[in-house]
């Protein structure tokens, strides 16, 4: 019998499968990516035409690329898009020319401090062309003429994004957002996608309390487009999480929402603190990933961001060194576990009202003490019942109880379930 694969191994395999595709903010690479994701979870794919006004932005022309290279006098491709999608400046306009190296240099991008790595560069809204290559490759090029070709198109088309919805008991939504616009970058892009896919599959195995909406969209313009097209739904979004840089071996980092005290902020702080994992909590800044779109003051949604090492916080960021070897199954599985734990708290956190608030109700005659007889944490569970009764005033949630009492959230939530079943509290 073949050994069972772990969730981490499954997520890493998805990263490896998606890695070669050339993604950008529009185009067939995004569609191909969503086609593959759609094999794992059902997706509703949206196509938004070029020129569509989305808030203060306009959907740009669609970019597609078939081939690109720089060839020396012998015809040898010294820079080849077929070897890596990072080799071409994203959104390069088409070009076919022969240029001397002295002139070509102005269109070449390298990382002198990391001479073997290829950088990731784009020019989304300025008509330019260029190539990215290792500094050691550039250093080895002799003077002379080089054939330059970029077989690309910039034409009216569409911006593509997709959604997956896991229905809950209530219509209130939690959005989980990740960007799908980076080519051949495993941590900054694909690890977040893989974690989101696996998380969606886990949630679908049960009926969660909240409705979970997964958004797979190009960075910035994609989130802005989603917000522009979902104005009637925005008031349903009660919580949210942006996933990015989810697979490196660094400690977990949570960036608070703009509000700073949204429920997702409290839940993530609690889960990370009580888990004992090495972690860092950052305050909100209006720079980073798409949390800044969801948290913009007109929407002010309670959306935070979870990553491991934050963007630009590791040397491999936006380079060819951010490859599948850079991300690990164990790190992605750990990121998934934190999401799972946080959403379990989010789904069970309620405010209750004590229906017998005058004095302590007699728990023994209701069999509540007897029900704890076989539990190893019977004393803790009993205290949890008393704390829930004490703070069930319609103003405190179960997370408030857990934090104030210093008790595990699950113990508090189980106590609340028992008290509700006994008719002593109501939501």
Protein backbone atom coordinates (compact mmCIF):
# COMPACT_ATOMS: atom_id res chain seq x y z
CA UNK A 1 0.00 0.00 0.00
CA UNK A 2 1.37 3.42 -0.99
CA UNK A 3 2.04 5.71 1.97
CA UNK A 4 -0.58 8.38 2.63
CA UNK A 5 0.47 11.89 1.71
CA UNK A 6 0.24 14.61 4.33
CA UNK A 7 -1.65 17.87 3.78
CA UNK A 8 1.72 19.60 3.60
CA UNK A 9 2.90 17.28 0.85
CA UNK A 10 -0.33 17.80 -1.08
CA UNK A 11 0.03 21.57 -0.83
CA UNK A 12 3.67 21.41 -1.91
CA UNK A 13 2.71 19.30 -4.91
CA UNK A 14 0.18 21.96 -5.92
CA UNK A 15 2.86 24.66 -5.61
CA UNK A 16 5.15 22.63 -7.86
CA UNK A 17 2.38 22.17 -10.42
CA UNK A 18 1.50 25.88 -10.54
CA UNK A 19 5.08 27.17 -10.40
CA UNK A 20 6.00 27.08 -14.13
CA UNK A 21 2.98 29.12 -15.26
CA UNK A 22 3.49 32.72 -16.33
CA UNK A 23 0.99 34.70 -14.31
CA UNK A 24 0.34 38.44 -14.41
CA UNK A 25 -2.52 40.74 -13.43
CA UNK A 26 -4.42 39.58 -16.53
CA UNK A 27 -4.10 36.92 -19.19
CA UNK A 28 -4.06 33.24 -19.92
CA UNK A 29 -1.60 32.47 -17.13
CA UNK A 30 -4.18 33.52 -14.55
CA UNK A 31 -6.82 31.44 -16.31
CA UNK A 32 -4.55 28.39 -16.45
CA UNK A 33 -3.82 28.82 -12.74
CA UNK A 34 -7.52 29.01 -11.89
CA UNK A 35 -8.22 26.00 -14.12
CA UNK A 36 -5.85 23.95 -11.99
CA UNK A 37 -7.22 25.31 -8.71
CA UNK A 38 -10.67 24.45 -10.05
CA UNK A 39 -9.66 20.78 -10.15
CA UNK A 40 -9.36 20.90 -6.35
CA UNK A 41 -12.31 23.11 -5.39
CA UNK A 42 -15.28 24.38 -7.46
CA UNK A 43 -14.70 27.95 -8.66
CA UNK A 44 -16.92 30.67 -10.02
CA UNK A 45 -14.68 32.48 -12.51
CA UNK A 46 -15.36 36.12 -13.38
CA UNK A 47 -14.15 37.97 -16.49
CA UNK A 48 -14.18 41.78 -16.26
CA UNK A 49 -13.67 43.62 -19.58
CA UNK A 50 -10.82 46.01 -20.27
CA UNK A 51 -11.89 49.59 -19.67
CA UNK A 52 -14.30 48.74 -16.85
CA UNK A 53 -14.19 51.39 -14.16
CA UNK A 54 -13.49 49.81 -10.78
CA UNK A 55 -13.48 52.38 -7.98
CA UNK A 56 -10.68 54.83 -8.89
CA UNK A 57 -9.04 52.37 -11.31
CA UNK A 58 -9.71 51.04 -14.78
CA UNK A 59 -9.26 47.41 -15.82
CA UNK A 60 -6.17 47.45 -18.07
CA UNK A 61 -5.54 45.75 -21.36
CA UNK A 62 -4.92 42.03 -21.18
CA UNK A 63 -1.32 40.85 -21.53
CA UNK A 64 -0.32 37.52 -22.98
CA UNK A 65 3.08 36.20 -23.97
CA UNK A 66 4.08 33.22 -26.08
CA UNK A 67 7.86 33.47 -26.33
CA UNK A 68 10.76 35.77 -25.58
CA UNK A 69 14.52 35.58 -25.78
CA UNK A 70 17.84 37.32 -26.21
CA UNK A 71 20.09 35.45 -28.68
CA UNK A 72 23.77 35.96 -29.46
CA UNK A 73 25.31 36.04 -32.92
CA UNK A 74 25.34 32.24 -33.13
CA UNK A 75 21.60 32.09 -32.40
CA UNK A 76 22.08 30.70 -28.88
CA UNK A 77 19.47 31.99 -26.46
CA UNK A 78 21.38 33.58 -23.63
CA UNK A 79 18.12 34.65 -21.95
CA UNK A 80 15.09 32.45 -22.57
CA UNK A 81 11.52 32.89 -21.39
CA UNK A 82 10.99 29.16 -21.96
CA UNK A 83 13.44 28.45 -19.14
CA UNK A 84 11.68 30.71 -16.63
CA UNK A 85 8.77 33.12 -16.82
CA UNK A 86 10.78 35.49 -14.61
CA UNK A 87 13.12 36.24 -17.51
CA UNK A 88 10.70 38.76 -19.05
CA UNK A 89 9.68 42.08 -17.54
CA UNK A 90 6.00 41.58 -16.74
CA UNK A 91 3.68 43.32 -19.21
CA UNK A 92 6.48 43.90 -21.72
CA UNK A 93 5.28 45.31 -25.02
CA UNK A 94 6.25 43.27 -28.10
CA UNK A 95 9.66 43.85 -29.59
CA UNK A 96 11.71 42.38 -32.43
CA UNK A 97 15.09 44.01 -32.92
CA UNK A 98 18.84 43.56 -33.10
CA UNK A 99 20.71 45.70 -30.61
CA UNK A 100 24.29 46.13 -29.47
CA UNK A 101 24.90 45.05 -25.89
CA UNK A 102 25.60 48.64 -24.90
CA UNK A 103 22.05 49.61 -25.88
CA UNK A 104 20.46 46.39 -24.63
CA UNK A 105 21.84 46.89 -21.13
CA UNK A 106 19.25 49.58 -20.43
CA UNK A 107 16.55 46.91 -20.75
CA UNK A 108 18.25 44.28 -18.59
CA UNK A 109 17.53 43.81 -14.88
CA UNK A 110 19.83 41.94 -12.49
CA UNK A 111 20.62 41.55 -8.79
CA UNK A 112 24.33 42.32 -8.39
CA UNK A 113 24.20 41.40 -4.70
CA UNK A 114 22.92 37.91 -5.63
CA UNK A 115 24.67 37.20 -8.94
CA UNK A 116 23.07 33.78 -9.54
CA UNK A 117 19.45 34.87 -8.95
CA UNK A 118 16.98 36.27 -11.50
CA UNK A 119 14.84 39.18 -10.23
CA UNK A 120 11.09 39.58 -10.72
CA UNK A 121 10.17 42.92 -12.27
CA UNK A 122 7.01 44.34 -13.87
CA UNK A 123 5.81 47.38 -15.77
CA UNK A 124 2.05 47.09 -15.55
CA UNK A 125 0.97 50.61 -16.41
CA UNK A 126 3.93 51.97 -18.41
CA UNK A 127 4.62 50.65 -21.93
CA UNK A 128 8.12 49.23 -21.61
CA UNK A 129 9.98 46.04 -22.40
CA UNK A 130 12.82 44.26 -20.72
CA UNK A 131 14.48 41.08 -19.55
CA UNK A 132 15.55 39.81 -16.14
CA UNK A 133 18.63 37.65 -15.80
CA UNK A 134 21.35 36.59 -13.41
CA UNK A 135 24.20 39.05 -12.97
CA UNK A 136 26.68 36.28 -13.75
CA UNK A 137 24.94 35.70 -17.09
CA UNK A 138 25.19 39.39 -17.95
CA UNK A 139 28.84 39.51 -16.90
CA UNK A 140 29.63 36.67 -19.30
CA UNK A 141 28.06 38.36 -22.35
CA UNK A 142 30.63 39.68 -24.83
CA UNK A 143 30.11 42.95 -26.64
CA UNK A 144 28.32 42.65 -29.94
CA UNK A 145 24.86 42.53 -31.42
CA UNK A 146 22.01 40.51 -29.94
CA UNK A 147 18.69 39.48 -31.38
CA UNK A 148 15.87 40.55 -29.07
CA UNK A 149 12.36 39.19 -29.38
CA UNK A 150 9.29 39.42 -27.15
CA UNK A 151 6.26 37.77 -28.69
CA UNK A 152 3.57 39.34 -26.55
CA UNK A 153 0.25 41.09 -27.00
CA UNK A 154 -1.40 43.92 -25.15
CA UNK A 155 -5.00 44.12 -26.28
CA UNK A 156 -8.50 44.64 -24.99
CA UNK A 157 -9.56 41.57 -23.08
CA UNK A 158 -10.44 40.82 -19.47
CA UNK A 159 -9.24 40.73 -15.90
CA UNK A 160 -9.94 37.29 -14.43
CA UNK A 161 -10.60 36.36 -10.82
CA UNK A 162 -12.41 33.52 -9.10
CA UNK A 163 -14.38 32.75 -5.94
CA UNK A 164 -15.17 29.63 -3.97
CA UNK A 165 -17.91 29.72 -1.34
CA UNK A 166 -18.36 27.32 1.56
CA UNK A 167 -21.93 27.92 2.80
CA UNK A 168 -22.36 28.33 6.54
CA UNK A 169 -25.21 28.37 9.01
CA UNK A 170 -25.45 32.15 8.64
CA UNK A 171 -24.97 34.53 5.71
CA UNK A 172 -22.30 36.54 7.54
CA UNK A 173 -19.07 36.04 5.63
CA UNK A 174 -15.41 35.47 6.27
CA UNK A 175 -13.32 36.26 3.21
CA UNK A 176 -10.01 34.52 2.60
CA UNK A 177 -8.06 36.29 -0.11
CA UNK A 178 -4.86 35.45 -1.95
CA UNK A 179 -3.23 36.89 -5.06
CA UNK A 180 -2.67 34.92 -8.26
CA UNK A 181 -0.62 37.36 -10.31
CA UNK A 182 3.02 36.44 -9.70
CA UNK A 183 4.94 34.22 -12.13
CA UNK A 184 7.15 31.43 -10.79
CA UNK A 185 7.29 32.61 -7.18
CA UNK A 186 6.56 29.78 -4.76
CA UNK A 187 6.26 31.55 -1.42
CA UNK A 188 4.97 34.95 -2.49
CA UNK A 189 1.88 33.76 -4.22
CA UNK A 190 1.59 30.01 -4.57
CA UNK A 191 1.99 28.86 -0.96
CA UNK A 192 -0.91 31.12 0.02
CA UNK A 193 -3.00 29.71 -2.83
CA UNK A 194 -2.21 26.15 -1.77
CA UNK A 195 -3.09 26.81 1.88
CA UNK A 196 -6.34 28.50 0.85
CA UNK A 197 -7.30 25.54 -1.37
CA UNK A 198 -6.69 23.00 1.39
CA UNK A 199 -8.47 25.17 3.95
CA UNK A 200 -11.51 25.42 1.68
CA UNK A 201 -11.60 21.66 1.27
CA UNK A 202 -11.44 21.14 5.02
CA UNK A 203 -14.24 23.63 5.69
CA UNK A 204 -16.43 21.93 3.09
CA UNK A 205 -16.25 18.69 5.08
CA UNK A 206 -18.52 20.25 7.70
CA UNK A 207 -21.02 23.09 7.84
CA UNK A 208 -19.21 26.03 9.41
CA UNK A 209 -21.08 28.70 11.29
CA UNK A 210 -19.98 31.53 9.00
CA UNK A 211 -20.06 31.47 5.23
CA UNK A 212 -16.50 31.38 3.91
CA UNK A 213 -15.72 33.13 0.63
CA UNK A 214 -12.33 32.44 -0.95
CA UNK A 215 -11.14 35.07 -3.42
CA UNK A 216 -8.36 34.25 -5.89
CA UNK A 217 -7.52 37.49 -7.66
CA UNK A 218 -4.60 39.47 -9.07
CA UNK A 219 -2.98 41.70 -6.46
CA UNK A 220 -4.28 45.25 -5.98
CA UNK A 221 -6.36 45.63 -9.16
CA UNK A 222 -8.04 42.25 -8.55
CA UNK A 223 -9.08 43.04 -4.98
CA UNK A 224 -10.20 46.50 -6.06
CA UNK A 225 -12.28 44.92 -8.83
CA UNK A 226 -13.85 42.46 -6.39
CA UNK A 227 -14.75 45.29 -4.00
CA UNK A 228 -16.18 47.39 -6.82
CA UNK A 229 -18.38 44.52 -8.00
CA UNK A 230 -19.61 43.41 -4.57
CA UNK A 231 -20.89 46.58 -2.97
CA UNK A 232 -24.21 44.97 -2.09
CA UNK A 233 -22.43 42.16 -0.24
CA UNK A 234 -19.86 44.19 1.68
CA UNK A 235 -22.02 44.52 4.80
CA UNK A 236 -22.07 40.72 5.08
CA UNK A 237 -18.28 40.57 5.41
CA UNK A 238 -17.65 40.37 9.14
CA UNK A 239 -14.10 39.02 9.14
CA UNK A 240 -11.31 38.39 6.67
CA UNK A 241 -7.79 37.12 6.19
CA UNK A 242 -5.26 37.70 3.41
CA UNK A 243 -2.86 34.79 2.93
CA UNK A 244 0.60 35.44 1.50
CA UNK A 245 4.17 34.17 1.94
CA UNK A 246 2.68 31.13 3.66
CA UNK A 247 5.35 28.50 3.07
CA UNK A 248 8.80 29.67 4.16
CA UNK A 249 10.49 28.41 7.30
CA UNK A 250 10.29 31.69 9.22
CA UNK A 251 8.07 32.42 12.18
CA UNK A 252 4.42 33.30 11.65
CA UNK A 253 3.53 36.97 11.27
CA UNK A 254 0.08 38.45 11.67
CA UNK A 255 -0.65 41.99 10.51
CA UNK A 256 -3.64 43.57 12.20
CA UNK A 257 -6.54 45.11 10.32
CA UNK A 258 -6.77 48.88 10.00
CA UNK A 259 -9.22 48.86 12.91
CA UNK A 260 -6.64 47.12 15.08
CA UNK A 261 -9.31 45.61 17.34
CA UNK A 262 -11.41 43.66 14.85
CA UNK A 263 -12.48 40.23 16.02
CA UNK A 264 -10.06 38.55 13.60
CA UNK A 265 -7.26 40.55 15.22
CA UNK A 266 -8.22 39.30 18.69
CA UNK A 267 -8.67 35.73 17.49
CA UNK A 268 -5.31 35.60 15.71
CA UNK A 269 -3.54 37.13 18.69
CA UNK A 270 -5.15 34.59 21.03
CA UNK A 271 -4.46 31.57 18.81
CA UNK A 272 -0.85 32.49 18.17
CA UNK A 273 -0.18 33.30 21.82
CA UNK A 274 -1.79 30.18 23.28
CA UNK A 275 -0.28 27.87 20.64
CA UNK A 276 3.25 28.60 21.81
CA UNK A 277 4.39 29.08 18.22
CA UNK A 278 7.11 31.64 17.53
CA UNK A 279 5.27 34.58 16.02
CA UNK A 280 5.15 38.32 15.54
CA UNK A 281 2.13 40.64 15.50
CA UNK A 282 2.48 43.75 13.36
CA UNK A 283 0.40 46.86 13.43
CA UNK A 284 -1.47 47.85 10.30
CA UNK A 285 0.25 49.90 7.63
CA UNK A 286 -1.36 50.97 4.32
CA UNK A 287 1.27 49.06 2.35
CA UNK A 288 1.62 45.37 1.68
CA UNK A 289 -0.90 42.97 0.21
CA UNK A 290 -4.62 43.28 -0.41
CA UNK A 291 -5.53 43.84 3.23
CA UNK A 292 -4.93 47.51 2.42
CA UNK A 293 -7.75 47.41 -0.16
CA UNK A 294 -10.23 45.64 2.12
CA UNK A 295 -9.26 47.96 4.99
CA UNK A 296 -9.41 51.20 2.98
CA UNK A 297 -11.49 53.71 4.98
CA UNK A 298 -14.55 53.56 2.74
CA UNK A 299 -14.88 49.82 3.39
CA UNK A 300 -12.98 49.48 6.70
CA UNK A 301 -13.44 45.72 6.79
CA UNK A 302 -12.00 43.66 9.61
CA UNK A 303 -9.37 41.97 7.43
CA UNK A 304 -5.90 41.08 8.64
CA UNK A 305 -3.00 39.37 6.91
CA UNK A 306 -1.24 36.13 7.82
CA UNK A 307 2.18 35.23 6.49
CA UNK A 308 5.34 33.66 7.69
CA UNK A 309 8.27 35.95 6.86
CA UNK A 310 6.55 39.14 5.61
CA UNK A 311 6.97 40.51 2.09
CA UNK A 312 10.46 41.84 1.35
CA UNK A 313 11.62 40.35 4.65
CA UNK A 314 13.73 37.58 3.14
CA UNK A 315 16.48 37.83 0.49
CA UNK A 316 14.72 35.39 -1.86
CA UNK A 317 11.65 37.67 -2.12
CA UNK A 318 10.77 38.47 -5.76
CA UNK A 319 13.66 36.41 -7.14
CA UNK A 320 14.19 33.04 -8.77
CA UNK A 321 15.38 31.77 -5.38
CA UNK A 322 11.73 31.82 -4.26
CA UNK A 323 11.25 28.42 -5.84
CA UNK A 324 9.54 25.21 -4.66
CA UNK A 325 12.66 24.23 -2.70
CA UNK A 326 12.32 27.44 -0.67
CA UNK A 327 8.91 26.46 0.71
CA UNK A 328 8.37 23.41 2.87
CA UNK A 329 5.41 21.08 3.40
CA UNK A 330 5.85 21.46 7.15
CA UNK A 331 5.65 25.27 7.05
CA UNK A 332 2.54 25.25 4.86
CA UNK A 333 0.93 22.68 7.13
CA UNK A 334 1.71 24.88 10.13
CA UNK A 335 0.15 27.91 8.41
CA UNK A 336 -2.90 25.80 7.59
CA UNK A 337 -3.17 24.66 11.21
CA UNK A 338 -3.18 28.24 12.48
CA UNK A 339 -5.94 29.16 10.01
CA UNK A 340 -7.91 26.10 11.07
CA UNK A 341 -7.54 26.95 14.76
CA UNK A 342 -8.41 30.61 14.24
CA UNK A 343 -11.53 29.88 12.22
CA UNK A 344 -12.65 27.31 14.79
CA UNK A 345 -12.53 30.06 17.43
CA UNK A 346 -14.18 32.57 15.10
CA UNK A 347 -17.02 30.15 14.36
CA UNK A 348 -17.70 29.29 18.02
CA UNK A 349 -17.28 32.72 19.58
CA UNK A 350 -20.73 33.94 20.64
CA UNK A 351 -22.30 36.32 23.10
CA UNK A 352 -24.78 34.64 25.40
CA UNK A 353 -27.39 35.80 27.89
CA UNK A 354 -27.70 34.09 31.27
CA UNK A 355 -31.32 32.99 31.69
CA UNK A 356 -30.88 32.43 35.43
CA UNK A 357 -28.86 35.50 36.40
CA UNK A 358 -30.03 35.90 40.00
CA UNK A 359 -27.58 33.88 42.03
CA UNK A 360 -25.74 30.83 40.81
CA UNK A 361 -28.06 28.26 39.20
CA UNK A 362 -27.96 24.75 40.62
CA UNK A 363 -25.84 22.84 38.12
CA UNK A 364 -25.94 19.51 39.96
CA UNK A 365 -29.68 18.92 39.61
CA UNK A 366 -29.34 19.53 35.90
CA UNK A 367 -26.71 16.82 35.63
CA UNK A 368 -24.04 19.26 34.49
CA UNK A 369 -21.53 18.30 37.18
CA UNK A 370 -22.20 14.59 36.60
CA UNK A 371 -21.42 15.03 32.92
CA UNK A 372 -17.88 16.07 33.84
CA UNK A 373 -17.11 12.93 35.84
CA UNK A 374 -15.11 11.21 33.13
CA UNK A 375 -13.16 14.23 31.99
CA UNK A 376 -9.52 14.61 32.90
CA UNK A 377 -10.07 18.38 33.02
CA UNK A 378 -13.25 18.21 35.11
CA UNK A 379 -12.17 20.98 37.46
CA UNK A 380 -11.28 23.25 34.54
CA UNK A 381 -14.56 22.45 32.79
CA UNK A 382 -16.50 23.26 35.95
CA UNK A 383 -14.75 26.62 36.24
CA UNK A 384 -15.52 27.27 32.58
CA UNK A 385 -19.24 26.79 33.26
CA UNK A 386 -19.13 29.23 36.14
CA UNK A 387 -17.21 31.80 34.09
CA UNK A 388 -19.61 31.49 31.15
CA UNK A 389 -22.57 32.02 33.45
CA UNK A 390 -20.85 35.00 35.06
CA UNK A 391 -20.04 36.75 31.78
CA UNK A 392 -23.13 35.81 29.78
CA UNK A 393 -24.55 39.32 29.95
CA UNK A 394 -24.98 39.90 26.22
CA UNK A 395 -21.83 42.02 26.11
CA UNK A 396 -19.03 39.47 26.49
CA UNK A 397 -18.20 36.75 24.00
CA UNK A 398 -16.66 33.37 24.71
CA UNK A 399 -13.23 34.65 23.69
CA UNK A 400 -13.61 37.32 26.37
CA UNK A 401 -14.38 34.53 28.84
CA UNK A 402 -11.37 32.44 27.80
CA UNK A 403 -8.99 35.38 28.03
CA UNK A 404 -10.30 36.66 31.35
CA UNK A 405 -10.50 33.22 32.96
CA UNK A 406 -7.22 31.99 31.51
CA UNK A 407 -8.96 28.88 30.19
CA UNK A 408 -8.65 27.11 26.82
CA UNK A 409 -11.20 28.45 24.36
CA UNK A 410 -12.46 24.96 23.45
CA UNK A 411 -13.16 24.23 27.13
CA UNK A 412 -15.13 27.45 27.42
CA UNK A 413 -17.05 26.79 24.20
CA UNK A 414 -17.87 23.23 25.32
CA UNK A 415 -19.14 24.62 28.61
CA UNK A 416 -21.35 27.08 26.76
CA UNK A 417 -22.77 24.25 24.64
CA UNK A 418 -23.65 22.30 27.77
CA UNK A 419 -25.24 25.31 29.48
CA UNK A 420 -27.25 26.14 26.38
CA UNK A 421 -28.48 22.55 26.12
CA UNK A 422 -29.57 22.79 29.76
CA UNK A 423 -31.55 25.95 29.03
CA UNK A 424 -29.40 28.20 31.19
CA UNK A 425 -28.11 30.53 28.46
CA UNK A 426 -29.22 31.64 25.05
CA UNK A 427 -27.42 33.33 22.16
